Amino acid sequence: QGAGLGLHAVGIAGGIGAAIGTAIAAIGAAVVTAGKELISLGDEYNKAVNTISASTGATGTELEALGEVAQRVYTHNFGDSLTDVAEGLSIVQKTTGLVGDELEKATESGFALRDTFGYDMQESARTVNALMKNFGLSAEEAYNIIAVGAQNGADQNGDLLDTLNEYSAQCAALGLSAEEFLQGLIGGAEAGVFSIDKVGDAVKEFNIRAKDGSDTTIEAFTALGMNAEEMMARFADGGDSARSAFFEVVSALNAMEDPMAKNTAAVNLFGTMYEDLEANILPVLASMESGTVGMYDALVQINEIKYDDLNSALEGTKRSIEGVFLPAVSEVSGAITDIFSTLSNEINNANGDFGQISAAIGTAVGDIATVITEQLPMFIQLGTDIVGSVSNAILENLPMLIEVTVELVMTILDGIISALSQITEGAVQLILALVDGIVQNLPTLVEAAIQMVTTLASGIAEAMPVLIPAVVE
């Protein structure tokens, strides 16, 4: 009996040992998988930084700062991947020359416009750059101009970016603000102008003709009862002087009663654009002065709505967690990349000498182990903190979870019990209706059954002479 108990104890110990071994193996596999994913994340980040460097020519501290901006944009859940963020950031930086927080906001705005309206990052950045230079806007304000215009119909022909980019200098030369320019485009769309581009082109033609000193320009100002020399000087001065003169001319043209005289003066000042748009353009241009579009922070609105769903929230959480690890895993991945690069060179230089190759591989393995060992305590500590926090949260909320579960089960049971009488009554009615139907149709059913049996018997009898020889054979 003693020997039997001893063997049984050994068996139990072996089983426990096997279970512990299995658990350790599972934990080890999970750690290895997580480690691979983290190293892969670090490698992806390093590739993204290399993309920024190759695209912008940035190196050293400048490149490090751009990499940190890319990391923040990624963890804020913009862009499809780190590589996508790197490419978008490079485009915005090269086009606008922005750095730091301004570059971060501009890049995120570019992605928001791309995801919402399908605007190419390069095209939107080019337009923003034009708005910044011509109207003195910040990048954030310029991106918001585009968003407000897109939301209010100014892109009905798909040429909003081109129009803002091409004609912003002409509008600024007349002293108009970016908001007034945008109001003209939106007003044109509301008035049914067949191409928003025509509104910008009309302003461009006016800006050229209003100060060219030509006979037709002088005739136009004279027909409006204005001093031509004085008006051309006001337009040449630009700024507020040109702006007030512009709206005075538009108002005077709009008030002319003689249609022929109005047409002649307008064509002299707006050229063929007035011929294309006719008098419809004058109220549109006049509406620019009031600026009724009412600016608002369209980008904040877009970000609150566009990315407000479960998948976006989960992806954002995932990226935020990845952002915690990025600096460390980037360093680990970079160090391992350098080790493998060195190993590759040493193998090539060994010229087939297996002794040198083996030594190089051994050194590389040792170096990799050193790199991982140096960072391992931080990862272990962070993992322990996360597991502890989750466990504490579950324990703290366990009574509530149990209560909610019990309430859910009881609600379901109450619903079934409450409906049981109706279910039973319905079943009884169904059976009674079925029985009643059978009883009412019983004569027909019996007759049909007799006919079926008679027909079957008759068929067998007629076939008997053929069936008997076949059975005997």
Protein backbone atom coordinates (compact mmCIF):
# COMPACT_ATOMS: atom_id res chain seq x y z
CA GLN A 1 0.00 0.00 0.00
CA GLY A 2 2.87 2.36 0.84
CA ALA A 3 4.49 1.68 -2.51
CA GLY A 4 1.14 2.21 -4.26
CA LEU A 5 0.61 5.55 -2.51
CA GLY A 6 4.14 6.57 -3.40
CA LEU A 7 3.61 5.80 -7.07
CA HIS A 8 0.27 7.65 -6.99
CA ALA A 9 1.96 10.70 -5.46
CA VAL A 10 4.66 10.56 -8.13
CA GLY A 11 1.91 10.44 -10.80
CA ILE A 12 0.15 13.46 -9.30
CA ALA A 13 3.44 15.36 -9.11
CA GLY A 14 4.17 14.47 -12.72
CA GLY A 15 0.72 15.69 -13.76
CA ILE A 16 1.21 18.94 -11.90
CA GLY A 17 4.63 19.36 -13.43
CA ALA A 18 3.23 18.74 -16.91
CA ALA A 19 0.44 21.27 -16.31
CA ILE A 20 2.94 23.86 -15.10
CA GLY A 21 5.15 23.12 -18.08
CA THR A 22 2.21 23.55 -20.45
CA ALA A 23 1.26 26.85 -18.79
CA ILE A 24 4.83 28.12 -19.00
CA ALA A 25 5.01 27.09 -22.66
CA ALA A 26 1.74 28.91 -23.38
CA ILE A 27 2.97 32.04 -21.61
CA GLY A 28 6.26 31.78 -23.43
CA ALA A 29 4.48 31.47 -26.79
CA ALA A 30 2.33 34.50 -25.96
CA VAL A 31 5.40 36.50 -24.95
CA VAL A 32 7.21 35.49 -28.16
CA THR A 33 4.18 36.46 -30.29
CA ALA A 34 3.81 39.80 -28.52
CA GLY A 35 7.53 40.37 -28.85
CA LYS A 36 7.44 39.72 -32.58
CA GLU A 37 4.54 42.13 -33.01
CA LEU A 38 6.31 44.82 -30.99
CA ILE A 39 9.55 44.37 -32.94
CA SER A 40 7.53 44.52 -36.16
CA LEU A 41 5.89 47.74 -34.93
CA GLY A 42 9.30 49.21 -34.17
CA ASP A 43 10.55 48.21 -37.61
CA GLU A 44 7.49 49.82 -39.25
CA TYR A 45 8.16 53.03 -37.32
CA ASN A 46 11.82 53.04 -38.39
CA LYS A 47 10.75 52.55 -42.00
CA ALA A 48 8.33 55.46 -41.63
CA VAL A 49 11.13 57.69 -40.30
CA ASN A 50 13.35 56.58 -43.19
CA THR A 51 10.54 57.55 -45.59
CA ILE A 52 10.36 61.02 -44.02
CA SER A 53 14.12 61.41 -44.26
CA ALA A 54 14.27 60.31 -47.89
CA SER A 55 11.33 62.52 -48.85
CA THR A 56 12.23 65.72 -46.96
CA GLY A 57 16.01 65.40 -46.68
CA ALA A 58 15.77 65.86 -42.91
CA THR A 59 18.46 64.29 -40.69
CA GLY A 60 19.59 64.37 -37.08
CA THR A 61 17.49 66.32 -34.59
CA GLU A 62 15.24 67.66 -37.36
CA LEU A 63 14.39 64.12 -38.46
CA GLU A 64 13.90 63.04 -34.85
CA ALA A 65 11.38 65.88 -34.34
CA LEU A 66 9.49 64.91 -37.52
CA GLY A 67 9.41 61.30 -36.36
CA GLU A 68 7.84 62.37 -33.07
CA VAL A 69 5.19 64.36 -34.96
CA ALA A 70 4.43 61.30 -37.11
CA GLN A 71 4.10 59.20 -33.96
CA ARG A 72 1.58 61.63 -32.43
CA VAL A 73 -0.47 61.81 -35.63
CA TYR A 74 -0.56 57.98 -35.75
CA THR A 75 -1.58 57.58 -32.10
CA HIS A 76 -4.33 60.19 -32.66
CA ASN A 77 -5.77 57.63 -35.10
CA PHE A 78 -5.12 59.44 -38.40
CA GLY A 79 -3.77 57.72 -41.50
CA ASP A 80 -4.08 54.09 -42.49
CA SER A 81 -0.69 53.08 -41.07
CA LEU A 82 2.61 54.51 -39.89
CA THR A 83 3.85 54.45 -43.49
CA ASP A 84 0.74 56.33 -44.65
CA VAL A 85 1.26 58.90 -41.90
CA ALA A 86 4.91 59.33 -42.88
CA GLU A 87 4.02 59.91 -46.52
CA GLY A 88 1.24 62.38 -45.68
CA LEU A 89 3.38 64.27 -43.17
CA SER A 90 6.24 64.53 -45.69
CA ILE A 91 3.90 66.02 -48.30
CA VAL A 92 2.50 68.62 -45.91
CA GLN A 93 5.94 69.54 -44.54
CA LYS A 94 7.52 70.00 -47.97
CA THR A 95 4.56 71.99 -49.29
CA THR A 96 3.97 74.29 -46.32
CA GLY A 97 7.29 74.28 -44.47
CA LEU A 98 5.48 73.80 -41.15
CA VAL A 99 7.09 72.16 -38.12
CA GLY A 100 6.08 71.01 -34.65
CA ASP A 101 2.50 71.37 -33.45
CA GLU A 102 1.42 73.29 -36.57
CA LEU A 103 2.68 70.47 -38.79
CA GLU A 104 0.89 67.94 -36.60
CA LYS A 105 -2.47 69.77 -36.84
CA ALA A 106 -2.05 70.40 -40.56
CA THR A 107 -1.26 66.74 -41.29
CA GLU A 108 -4.25 65.57 -39.26
CA SER A 109 -6.46 68.09 -41.08
CA GLY A 110 -5.18 66.82 -44.42
CA PHE A 111 -6.11 63.25 -43.47
CA ALA A 112 -9.56 64.40 -42.26
CA LEU A 113 -10.23 66.10 -45.62
CA ARG A 114 -8.96 63.03 -47.48
CA ASP A 115 -11.11 60.60 -45.50
CA THR A 116 -14.22 62.81 -45.68
CA PHE A 117 -14.13 64.43 -49.14
CA GLY A 118 -11.53 62.34 -50.98
CA TYR A 119 -9.12 65.29 -51.37
CA ASP A 120 -5.58 64.31 -52.30
CA MET A 121 -3.08 65.25 -49.57
CA GLN A 122 -0.80 67.00 -52.06
CA GLU A 123 -3.62 69.07 -53.60
CA SER A 124 -5.09 70.16 -50.27
CA ALA A 125 -1.64 71.08 -48.92
CA ARG A 126 -0.92 73.11 -52.06
CA THR A 127 -4.22 74.98 -51.65
CA VAL A 128 -3.58 75.59 -47.95
CA ASN A 129 -0.16 76.98 -48.77
CA ALA A 130 -1.71 79.46 -51.24
CA LEU A 131 -4.34 80.55 -48.70
CA MET A 132 -1.69 81.01 -46.01
CA LYS A 133 0.55 83.12 -48.21
CA ASN A 134 -2.15 85.25 -49.85
CA PHE A 135 -4.48 85.84 -46.91
CA GLY A 136 -2.11 85.48 -43.96
CA LEU A 137 -4.02 82.54 -42.50
CA SER A 138 -2.72 79.81 -40.24
CA ALA A 139 -2.69 76.30 -41.64
CA GLU A 140 -5.58 75.37 -39.34
CA GLU A 141 -7.67 78.29 -40.64
CA ALA A 142 -6.82 77.46 -44.24
CA TYR A 143 -7.83 73.81 -43.91
CA ASN A 144 -11.04 74.96 -42.24
CA ILE A 145 -11.83 77.23 -45.21
CA ILE A 146 -11.66 74.19 -47.47
CA ALA A 147 -13.84 72.11 -45.14
CA VAL A 148 -16.53 74.81 -44.81
CA GLY A 149 -16.58 75.32 -48.58
CA ALA A 150 -16.91 71.59 -49.24
CA GLN A 151 -19.76 71.28 -46.72
CA ASN A 152 -21.68 74.21 -48.24
CA GLY A 153 -21.72 73.28 -51.92
CA ALA A 154 -18.67 75.18 -53.20
CA ASP A 155 -17.23 71.95 -54.62
CA GLN A 156 -20.22 71.08 -56.80
CA ASN A 157 -17.95 70.78 -59.85
CA GLY A 158 -15.07 69.09 -58.04
CA ASP A 159 -12.77 72.10 -58.56
CA LEU A 160 -12.86 73.81 -55.16
CA LEU A 161 -9.18 73.21 -54.43
CA ASP A 162 -8.07 74.42 -57.85
CA THR A 163 -10.29 77.52 -57.61
CA LEU A 164 -9.05 78.48 -54.15
CA ASN A 165 -5.47 77.89 -55.20
CA GLU A 166 -5.64 79.74 -58.52
CA TYR A 167 -7.65 82.82 -57.59
CA SER A 168 -6.70 83.48 -53.96
CA ALA A 169 -3.94 85.90 -55.03
CA GLN A 170 -6.38 87.89 -57.20
CA CYS A 171 -8.93 88.18 -54.40
CA ALA A 172 -6.27 89.16 -51.88
CA ALA A 173 -5.01 91.86 -54.28
CA LEU A 174 -8.51 93.41 -54.16
CA GLY A 175 -8.39 93.45 -50.37
CA LEU A 176 -10.94 90.64 -50.05
CA SER A 177 -10.61 88.19 -47.16
CA ALA A 178 -10.55 84.42 -47.49
CA GLU A 179 -14.03 84.26 -45.92
CA GLU A 180 -15.37 86.76 -48.50
CA PHE A 181 -13.79 84.78 -51.32
CA LEU A 182 -15.39 81.61 -49.99
CA GLN A 183 -18.74 83.38 -49.65
CA GLY A 184 -18.54 84.27 -53.35
CA LEU A 185 -17.99 80.63 -54.29
CA ILE A 186 -20.83 79.39 -52.06
CA GLY A 187 -23.10 82.19 -53.31
CA GLY A 188 -22.28 81.20 -56.89
CA ALA A 189 -23.27 77.61 -56.18
CA GLU A 190 -26.54 78.73 -54.57
CA ALA A 191 -27.28 81.02 -57.55
CA GLY A 192 -26.85 78.13 -59.97
CA VAL A 193 -23.59 79.27 -61.58
CA PHE A 194 -22.66 76.35 -63.82
CA SER A 195 -19.00 76.43 -62.77
CA ILE A 196 -17.71 77.85 -59.50
CA ASP A 197 -14.41 78.50 -61.27
CA LYS A 198 -16.16 81.28 -63.22
CA VAL A 199 -16.67 83.34 -60.05
CA GLY A 200 -12.95 83.33 -59.32
CA ASP A 201 -12.17 84.04 -62.96
CA ALA A 202 -14.52 87.04 -62.94
CA VAL A 203 -12.68 88.51 -59.93
CA LYS A 204 -9.34 87.89 -61.68
CA GLU A 205 -10.45 89.69 -64.87
CA PHE A 206 -11.77 92.61 -62.85
CA ASN A 207 -8.54 92.89 -60.85
CA ILE A 208 -6.55 93.10 -64.09
CA ARG A 209 -8.84 95.50 -65.96
CA ALA A 210 -9.65 97.83 -63.04
CA LYS A 211 -6.12 99.25 -63.05
CA ASP A 212 -4.84 98.70 -66.60
CA GLY A 213 -5.61 102.27 -67.74
CA SER A 214 -7.23 101.09 -70.98
CA ASP A 215 -9.86 103.11 -72.82
CA THR A 216 -12.53 100.51 -72.08
CA THR A 217 -11.79 100.67 -68.36
CA ILE A 218 -11.96 104.44 -68.33
CA GLU A 219 -15.23 104.31 -70.29
CA ALA A 220 -16.70 101.86 -67.76
CA PHE A 221 -15.84 104.01 -64.73
CA THR A 222 -17.14 107.09 -66.51
CA ALA A 223 -20.42 105.34 -67.34
CA LEU A 224 -20.78 104.59 -63.63
CA GLY A 225 -20.29 108.26 -62.81
CA MET A 226 -16.89 107.66 -61.21
CA ASN A 227 -13.51 109.33 -61.61
CA ALA A 228 -11.47 106.79 -63.58
CA GLU A 229 -8.04 107.99 -62.39
CA GLU A 230 -9.13 107.98 -58.77
CA MET A 231 -10.71 104.51 -59.01
CA MET A 232 -7.67 102.97 -60.72
CA ALA A 233 -5.44 104.47 -58.03
CA ARG A 234 -7.59 102.94 -55.28
CA PHE A 235 -7.37 99.53 -56.90
CA ALA A 236 -3.63 99.88 -57.35
CA ASP A 237 -3.26 100.62 -53.61
CA GLY A 238 -4.91 97.29 -52.73
CA GLY A 239 -6.06 96.48 -49.18
CA ASP A 240 -9.12 98.20 -47.73
CA SER A 241 -8.99 100.90 -50.41
CA ALA A 242 -9.33 98.35 -53.22
CA ARG A 243 -11.95 96.36 -51.29
CA SER A 244 -14.31 99.30 -50.74
CA ALA A 245 -13.82 100.43 -54.37
CA PHE A 246 -14.66 96.93 -55.60
CA PHE A 247 -17.99 96.79 -53.78
CA GLU A 248 -18.82 100.35 -54.87
CA VAL A 249 -18.37 99.33 -58.52
CA VAL A 250 -20.41 96.16 -58.09
CA SER A 251 -23.21 98.09 -56.36
CA ALA A 252 -23.21 100.80 -59.07
CA LEU A 253 -23.30 98.21 -61.87
CA ASN A 254 -26.15 96.37 -60.18
CA ALA A 255 -28.14 99.63 -59.88
CA MET A 256 -27.85 100.62 -63.56
CA GLU A 257 -31.29 100.57 -65.20
CA ASP A 258 -30.25 100.69 -68.87
CA PRO A 259 -29.49 97.04 -69.71
CA MET A 260 -27.34 97.91 -72.72
CA ALA A 261 -25.26 100.42 -70.78
CA LYS A 262 -24.94 97.96 -67.86
CA ASN A 263 -23.80 95.19 -70.17
CA THR A 264 -21.21 97.39 -71.89
CA ALA A 265 -19.73 98.68 -68.64
CA ALA A 266 -19.70 95.22 -67.03
CA VAL A 267 -18.03 93.57 -70.03
CA ASN A 268 -15.41 96.36 -70.03
CA LEU A 269 -14.59 95.55 -66.39
CA PHE A 270 -15.17 91.77 -66.20
CA GLY A 271 -14.44 90.74 -69.79
CA THR A 272 -15.83 87.51 -71.20
CA MET A 273 -16.66 86.25 -67.70
CA TYR A 274 -19.58 88.68 -67.59
CA GLU A 275 -20.69 87.48 -71.01
CA ASP A 276 -20.69 83.91 -69.66
CA LEU A 277 -22.45 84.69 -66.37
CA GLU A 278 -24.34 87.89 -67.29
CA ALA A 279 -26.09 89.88 -64.55
CA ASN A 280 -26.35 86.82 -62.29
CA ILE A 281 -22.75 87.37 -61.20
CA LEU A 282 -23.38 90.84 -59.71
CA PRO A 283 -25.58 89.73 -56.75
CA VAL A 284 -23.11 86.92 -56.09
CA LEU A 285 -20.19 89.37 -55.93
CA ALA A 286 -22.24 91.78 -53.81
CA SER A 287 -22.98 88.98 -51.31
CA MET A 288 -19.27 88.63 -50.62
CA GLU A 289 -19.31 91.87 -48.63
CA SER A 290 -21.76 90.56 -46.04
CA GLY A 291 -19.94 87.25 -45.62
CA THR A 292 -23.13 85.41 -44.72
CA VAL A 293 -21.47 82.00 -44.85
CA GLY A 294 -20.79 82.20 -41.09
CA MET A 295 -17.45 80.50 -40.38
CA TYR A 296 -17.36 77.62 -37.92
CA ASP A 297 -14.85 74.95 -36.93
CA ALA A 298 -15.78 72.39 -39.56
CA LEU A 299 -12.71 70.21 -38.92
CA VAL A 300 -13.58 69.68 -35.25
CA GLN A 301 -17.11 68.77 -36.33
CA ILE A 302 -15.76 66.34 -38.94
CA ASN A 303 -13.42 64.65 -36.45
CA GLU A 304 -16.19 64.28 -33.87
CA ILE A 305 -18.53 62.64 -36.38
CA LYS A 306 -16.27 60.92 -38.89
CA TYR A 307 -14.29 58.91 -36.37
CA ASP A 308 -17.07 58.38 -33.78
CA ASP A 309 -17.73 54.65 -34.11
CA LEU A 310 -16.69 51.48 -32.31
CA ASN A 311 -14.05 50.38 -34.83
CA SER A 312 -12.41 53.81 -34.77
CA ALA A 313 -12.47 53.85 -30.97
CA LEU A 314 -10.88 50.40 -30.77
CA GLU A 315 -8.25 51.30 -33.37
CA GLY A 316 -7.52 54.53 -31.50
CA THR A 317 -7.05 52.63 -28.24
CA LYS A 318 -4.76 50.12 -29.94
CA ARG A 319 -2.64 52.90 -31.41
CA SER A 320 -2.46 54.72 -28.09
CA ILE A 321 -1.09 51.58 -26.45
CA GLU A 322 1.35 51.11 -29.34
CA GLY A 323 2.48 54.70 -28.83
CA VAL A 324 3.61 53.82 -25.30
CA PHE A 325 5.90 51.09 -26.67
CA LEU A 326 7.05 52.85 -29.86
CA PRO A 327 10.19 54.61 -28.55
CA ALA A 328 11.54 51.44 -26.92
CA VAL A 329 10.63 48.99 -29.69
CA SER A 330 11.96 51.40 -32.29
CA GLU A 331 15.29 51.37 -30.49
CA VAL A 332 15.26 47.57 -30.18
CA SER A 333 14.30 47.10 -33.82
CA GLY A 334 16.97 49.56 -34.96
CA ALA A 335 19.64 47.83 -32.87
CA ILE A 336 18.65 44.38 -34.18
CA THR A 337 18.66 45.71 -37.74
CA ASP A 338 22.23 46.98 -37.22
CA ILE A 339 23.25 43.59 -35.80
CA PHE A 340 21.89 41.72 -38.82
CA SER A 341 23.51 44.21 -41.20
CA THR A 342 26.85 43.59 -39.50
CA LEU A 343 26.27 39.83 -39.57
CA SER A 344 25.50 39.95 -43.29
CA ASN A 345 28.75 41.82 -43.99
CA GLU A 346 30.79 39.41 -41.86
CA ILE A 347 29.31 36.37 -43.62
CA ASN A 348 30.13 37.88 -47.01
CA ASN A 349 33.67 38.69 -45.87
CA ALA A 350 34.17 35.14 -44.53
CA ASN A 351 34.36 33.78 -48.09
CA GLY A 352 32.86 30.44 -47.09
CA ASP A 353 34.95 29.97 -43.93
CA PHE A 354 32.47 28.15 -41.69
CA GLY A 355 34.52 28.91 -38.61
CA GLN A 356 34.26 32.67 -39.15
CA ILE A 357 30.60 32.34 -40.09
CA SER A 358 29.79 30.38 -36.93
CA ALA A 359 31.65 32.90 -34.78
CA ALA A 360 29.81 35.79 -36.44
CA ILE A 361 26.44 34.10 -35.88
CA GLY A 362 27.30 33.44 -32.23
CA THR A 363 28.27 37.07 -31.71
CA ALA A 364 25.06 38.25 -33.39
CA VAL A 365 22.90 36.01 -31.18
CA GLY A 366 24.66 37.31 -28.09
CA ASP A 367 24.22 40.92 -29.19
CA ILE A 368 20.50 40.35 -29.85
CA ALA A 369 20.07 38.77 -26.43
CA THR A 370 21.83 41.75 -24.84
CA VAL A 371 19.56 44.24 -26.63
CA ILE A 372 16.40 42.39 -25.60
CA THR A 373 17.60 41.87 -22.04
CA GLU A 374 18.25 45.59 -21.61
CA GLN A 375 14.65 46.46 -22.55
CA LEU A 376 12.92 43.43 -21.05
CA PRO A 377 12.47 44.80 -17.49
CA MET A 378 10.50 47.78 -18.79
CA PHE A 379 8.19 45.56 -20.87
CA ILE A 380 7.66 43.17 -17.95
CA GLN A 381 6.90 46.02 -15.56
CA LEU A 382 4.47 47.62 -18.01
CA GLY A 383 2.76 44.27 -18.67
CA THR A 384 2.48 43.61 -14.94
CA ASP A 385 0.97 47.06 -14.37
CA ILE A 386 -1.58 46.54 -17.15
CA VAL A 387 -2.63 43.08 -15.89
CA GLY A 388 -2.86 44.39 -12.33
CA SER A 389 -4.98 47.37 -13.37
CA VAL A 390 -7.35 45.18 -15.40
CA SER A 391 -7.68 42.68 -12.55
CA ASN A 392 -8.40 45.42 -10.03
CA ALA A 393 -11.00 46.95 -12.34
CA ILE A 394 -12.74 43.57 -12.72
CA LEU A 395 -12.69 42.93 -8.97
CA GLU A 396 -14.01 46.40 -8.19
CA ASN A 397 -16.85 46.02 -10.64
CA LEU A 398 -17.58 42.33 -10.00
CA PRO A 399 -20.62 42.93 -7.72
CA MET A 400 -22.15 45.22 -10.33
CA LEU A 401 -21.42 42.71 -13.13
CA ILE A 402 -23.06 39.90 -11.13
CA GLU A 403 -26.05 42.09 -10.36
CA VAL A 404 -26.47 43.07 -14.01
CA THR A 405 -26.18 39.43 -15.09
CA VAL A 406 -28.78 38.30 -12.55
CA GLU A 407 -31.14 41.10 -13.63
CA LEU A 408 -30.69 40.10 -17.27
CA VAL A 409 -31.48 36.43 -16.56
CA MET A 410 -34.49 37.31 -14.38
CA THR A 411 -35.82 39.71 -17.02
CA ILE A 412 -35.67 36.95 -19.64
CA LEU A 413 -37.34 34.45 -17.28
CA ASP A 414 -40.05 36.96 -16.32
CA GLY A 415 -40.73 37.58 -19.99
CA ILE A 416 -41.09 33.87 -20.71
CA ILE A 417 -43.32 33.28 -17.66
CA SER A 418 -45.47 36.30 -18.53
CA ALA A 419 -45.94 35.08 -22.07
CA LEU A 420 -46.44 31.42 -21.11
CA SER A 421 -50.24 31.66 -20.78
CA GLN A 422 -50.47 33.32 -24.20
CA ILE A 423 -48.15 30.73 -25.73
CA THR A 424 -50.21 27.86 -24.22
CA GLU A 425 -53.50 29.43 -25.28
CA GLY A 426 -52.18 29.93 -28.80
CA ALA A 427 -51.04 26.29 -29.00
CA VAL A 428 -54.44 25.03 -27.82
CA GLN A 429 -56.25 27.21 -30.35
CA LEU A 430 -53.97 25.94 -33.09
CA ILE A 431 -54.67 22.28 -32.20
CA LEU A 432 -58.44 22.87 -31.93
CA ALA A 433 -58.47 24.64 -35.29
CA LEU A 434 -56.53 21.76 -36.83
CA VAL A 435 -58.88 19.12 -35.36
CA ASP A 436 -61.93 21.14 -36.45
CA GLY A 437 -60.55 21.35 -39.98
CA ILE A 438 -59.98 17.59 -40.10
CA VAL A 439 -63.48 16.81 -38.78
CA GLN A 440 -65.15 19.18 -41.28
CA ASN A 441 -63.23 17.65 -44.18
CA LEU A 442 -63.41 14.02 -42.97
CA PRO A 443 -65.87 12.77 -45.64
CA THR A 444 -63.67 14.18 -48.38
CA LEU A 445 -60.55 12.70 -46.80
CA VAL A 446 -62.16 9.24 -46.39
CA GLU A 447 -63.43 9.27 -49.97
CA ALA A 448 -59.99 10.28 -51.25
CA ALA A 449 -58.35 7.51 -49.19
CA ILE A 450 -60.77 4.84 -50.48
CA GLN A 451 -60.23 5.98 -54.05
CA MET A 452 -56.45 5.86 -53.57
CA VAL A 453 -56.56 2.28 -52.15
CA THR A 454 -58.96 1.11 -54.89
CA THR A 455 -56.77 2.55 -57.63
CA LEU A 456 -53.69 0.94 -56.12
CA ALA A 457 -55.39 -2.48 -55.83
CA SER A 458 -56.69 -2.28 -59.37
CA GLY A 459 -53.22 -1.41 -60.67
CA ILE A 460 -51.67 -4.39 -58.85
CA ALA A 461 -54.34 -6.77 -60.16
CA GLU A 462 -53.85 -5.67 -63.75
CA ALA A 463 -50.08 -6.04 -63.45
CA MET A 464 -50.24 -9.49 -61.78
CA PRO A 465 -49.78 -11.56 -64.99
CA VAL A 466 -46.54 -9.75 -65.60
CA LEU A 467 -45.38 -9.67 -61.99
CA ILE A 468 -45.78 -13.45 -61.24
CA PRO A 469 -43.41 -14.74 -63.97
CA ALA A 470 -40.91 -12.08 -63.00
CA VAL A 471 -41.10 -13.13 -59.30
CA VAL A 472 -40.71 -16.88 -60.22
CA GLU A 473 -37.69 -16.16 -62.42
